[in-house]
Amino acid sequence: MLATGVLSAWLRLSGPAALLGTGYGRLVLLKALGAGLLLVLGRRARRRLPSRLAGAGPRPVPLARWLGAELVVMVAVFAVAAGLAGATPS
């Protein structure tokens, strides 16, 4: 899914300068950063969360707080994606 989004942006934008020079390009960058952050959060959760939830880690992490952070980022990425759907590349 991430690869098709990058390919779509590549085909729609006139060049690398359009990433910062157009509203559409800035939305593409924002969505890519959000998706990257979700990947990092998911990797950290997979590696660290099980032991911390069990109380074996350096400090326990409430599950609701962790899920809340991921949910906020995910909603933001979906909001940017909705903005992209209505934006026209220039």
C-alpha atoms as a PDB file:
ATOM      1  CA  MET A   1       0.000   0.000   0.000  1.00  0.00           C
ATOM      2  CA  LEU A   2       2.832   2.374   0.835  1.00  0.00           C
ATOM      3  CA  ALA A   3       4.595   1.555  -2.430  1.00  0.00           C
ATOM      4  CA  THR A   4       1.507   2.268  -4.530  1.00  0.00           C
ATOM      5  CA  GLY A   5       1.045   5.609  -2.771  1.00  0.00           C
ATOM      6  CA  VAL A   6       4.638   6.586  -3.524  1.00  0.00           C
ATOM      7  CA  LEU A   7       4.237   5.511  -7.155  1.00  0.00           C
ATOM      8  CA  SER A   8       0.994   7.461  -7.479  1.00  0.00           C
ATOM      9  CA  ALA A   9       2.605  10.619  -6.084  1.00  0.00           C
ATOM     10  CA  TRP A  10       5.610  10.154  -8.384  1.00  0.00           C
ATOM     11  CA  LEU A  11       3.339   9.977 -11.421  1.00  0.00           C
ATOM     12  CA  ARG A  12       1.140  12.910 -10.380  1.00  0.00           C
ATOM     13  CA  LEU A  13       3.803  15.397  -9.329  1.00  0.00           C
ATOM     14  CA  SER A  14       5.900  17.276 -11.871  1.00  0.00           C
ATOM     15  CA  GLY A  15       9.152  16.679  -9.994  1.00  0.00           C
ATOM     16  CA  PRO A  16      10.841  16.587  -6.585  1.00  0.00           C
ATOM     17  CA  ALA A  17      10.440  20.359  -6.133  1.00  0.00           C
ATOM     18  CA  ALA A  18       6.665  19.887  -6.247  1.00  0.00           C
ATOM     19  CA  LEU A  19       6.821  17.997  -2.944  1.00  0.00           C
ATOM     20  CA  LEU A  20       7.509  21.238  -1.091  1.00  0.00           C
ATOM     21  CA  GLY A  21       6.169  23.668  -3.669  1.00  0.00           C
ATOM     22  CA  THR A  22       2.567  22.485  -3.839  1.00  0.00           C
ATOM     23  CA  GLY A  23      -0.132  21.762  -1.307  1.00  0.00           C
ATOM     24  CA  TYR A  24      -0.579  18.304  -2.772  1.00  0.00           C
ATOM     25  CA  GLY A  25       3.134  17.584  -2.410  1.00  0.00           C
ATOM     26  CA  ARG A  26       3.149  18.721   1.206  1.00  0.00           C
ATOM     27  CA  LEU A  27       0.187  16.440   1.931  1.00  0.00           C
ATOM     28  CA  VAL A  28       2.076  13.540   0.317  1.00  0.00           C
ATOM     29  CA  LEU A  29       5.091  14.242   2.544  1.00  0.00           C
ATOM     30  CA  LEU A  30       2.908  14.522   5.633  1.00  0.00           C
ATOM     31  CA  LYS A  31       1.198  11.223   4.853  1.00  0.00           C
ATOM     32  CA  ALA A  32       4.546   9.514   4.232  1.00  0.00           C
ATOM     33  CA  LEU A  33       5.905  10.804   7.550  1.00  0.00           C
ATOM     34  CA  GLY A  34       2.783   9.613   9.362  1.00  0.00           C
ATOM     35  CA  ALA A  35       2.961   6.187   7.736  1.00  0.00           C
ATOM     36  CA  GLY A  36       6.637   5.955   8.671  1.00  0.00           C
ATOM     37  CA  LEU A  37       5.811   6.881  12.256  1.00  0.00           C
ATOM     38  CA  LEU A  38       3.161   4.150  12.339  1.00  0.00           C
ATOM     39  CA  LEU A  39       5.746   1.638  11.135  1.00  0.00           C
ATOM     40  CA  VAL A  40       8.148   2.711  13.892  1.00  0.00           C
ATOM     41  CA  LEU A  41       5.428   2.535  16.548  1.00  0.00           C
ATOM     42  CA  GLY A  42       4.363  -0.908  15.338  1.00  0.00           C
ATOM     43  CA  ARG A  43       7.929  -2.210  15.434  1.00  0.00           C
ATOM     44  CA  ARG A  44       8.464  -0.830  18.927  1.00  0.00           C
ATOM     45  CA  ALA A  45       5.193  -2.354  20.101  1.00  0.00           C
ATOM     46  CA  ARG A  46       6.131  -5.739  18.715  1.00  0.00           C
ATOM     47  CA  ARG A  47       9.534  -5.683  20.390  1.00  0.00           C
ATOM     48  CA  ARG A  48       8.864  -3.993  23.710  1.00  0.00           C
ATOM     49  CA  LEU A  49       5.207  -3.985  24.621  1.00  0.00           C
ATOM     50  CA  PRO A  50       4.673  -7.686  25.512  1.00  0.00           C
ATOM     51  CA  SER A  51       7.389  -7.734  28.180  1.00  0.00           C
ATOM     52  CA  ARG A  52       6.359  -4.353  29.590  1.00  0.00           C
ATOM     53  CA  LEU A  53       2.719  -5.372  29.808  1.00  0.00           C
ATOM     54  CA  ALA A  54       3.813  -8.455  31.714  1.00  0.00           C
ATOM     55  CA  GLY A  55       5.739  -6.228  34.122  1.00  0.00           C
ATOM     56  CA  ALA A  56       9.149  -7.611  33.126  1.00  0.00           C
ATOM     57  CA  GLY A  57      10.377  -4.457  31.395  1.00  0.00           C
ATOM     58  CA  PRO A  58      12.060  -1.428  32.909  1.00  0.00           C
ATOM     59  CA  ARG A  59       8.668   0.129  33.635  1.00  0.00           C
ATOM     60  CA  PRO A  60       5.150  -1.037  32.905  1.00  0.00           C
ATOM     61  CA  VAL A  61       3.289   0.785  30.123  1.00  0.00           C
ATOM     62  CA  PRO A  62      -0.477   1.092  30.294  1.00  0.00           C
ATOM     63  CA  LEU A  63      -1.929  -0.504  27.180  1.00  0.00           C
ATOM     64  CA  ALA A  64      -4.520   2.238  26.751  1.00  0.00           C
ATOM     65  CA  ARG A  65      -1.824   4.916  26.566  1.00  0.00           C
ATOM     66  CA  TRP A  66       0.125   3.017  23.918  1.00  0.00           C
ATOM     67  CA  LEU A  67      -2.966   2.283  21.845  1.00  0.00           C
ATOM     68  CA  GLY A  68      -4.087   5.884  22.201  1.00  0.00           C
ATOM     69  CA  ALA A  69      -0.808   7.159  20.741  1.00  0.00           C
ATOM     70  CA  GLU A  70      -1.074   4.797  17.770  1.00  0.00           C
ATOM     71  CA  LEU A  71      -4.717   5.714  17.256  1.00  0.00           C
ATOM     72  CA  VAL A  72      -3.982   9.457  17.192  1.00  0.00           C
ATOM     73  CA  VAL A  73      -1.292   8.982  14.535  1.00  0.00           C
ATOM     74  CA  MET A  74      -3.523   6.645  12.527  1.00  0.00           C
ATOM     75  CA  VAL A  75      -6.452   9.081  12.528  1.00  0.00           C
ATOM     76  CA  ALA A  76      -4.099  11.873  11.435  1.00  0.00           C
ATOM     77  CA  VAL A  77      -2.810   9.747   8.534  1.00  0.00           C
ATOM     78  CA  PHE A  78      -6.375   8.933   7.466  1.00  0.00           C
ATOM     79  CA  ALA A  79      -7.292  12.619   7.628  1.00  0.00           C
ATOM     80  CA  VAL A  80      -4.342  13.514   5.399  1.00  0.00           C
ATOM     81  CA  ALA A  81      -5.302  10.698   3.014  1.00  0.00           C
ATOM     82  CA  ALA A  82      -8.823  12.145   2.813  1.00  0.00           C
ATOM     83  CA  GLY A  83      -7.314  15.523   2.046  1.00  0.00           C
ATOM     84  CA  LEU A  84      -5.219  13.976  -0.704  1.00  0.00           C
ATOM     85  CA  ALA A  85      -8.294  12.391  -2.253  1.00  0.00           C
ATOM     86  CA  GLY A  86      -9.839  15.818  -2.751  1.00  0.00           C
ATOM     87  CA  ALA A  87      -6.635  17.675  -3.693  1.00  0.00           C
ATOM     88  CA  THR A  88      -5.429  18.239  -7.223  1.00  0.00           C
ATOM     89  CA  PRO A  89      -1.733  17.941  -8.015  1.00  0.00           C
ATOM     90  CA  SER A  90      -0.319  21.116  -9.489  1.00  0.00           C
END
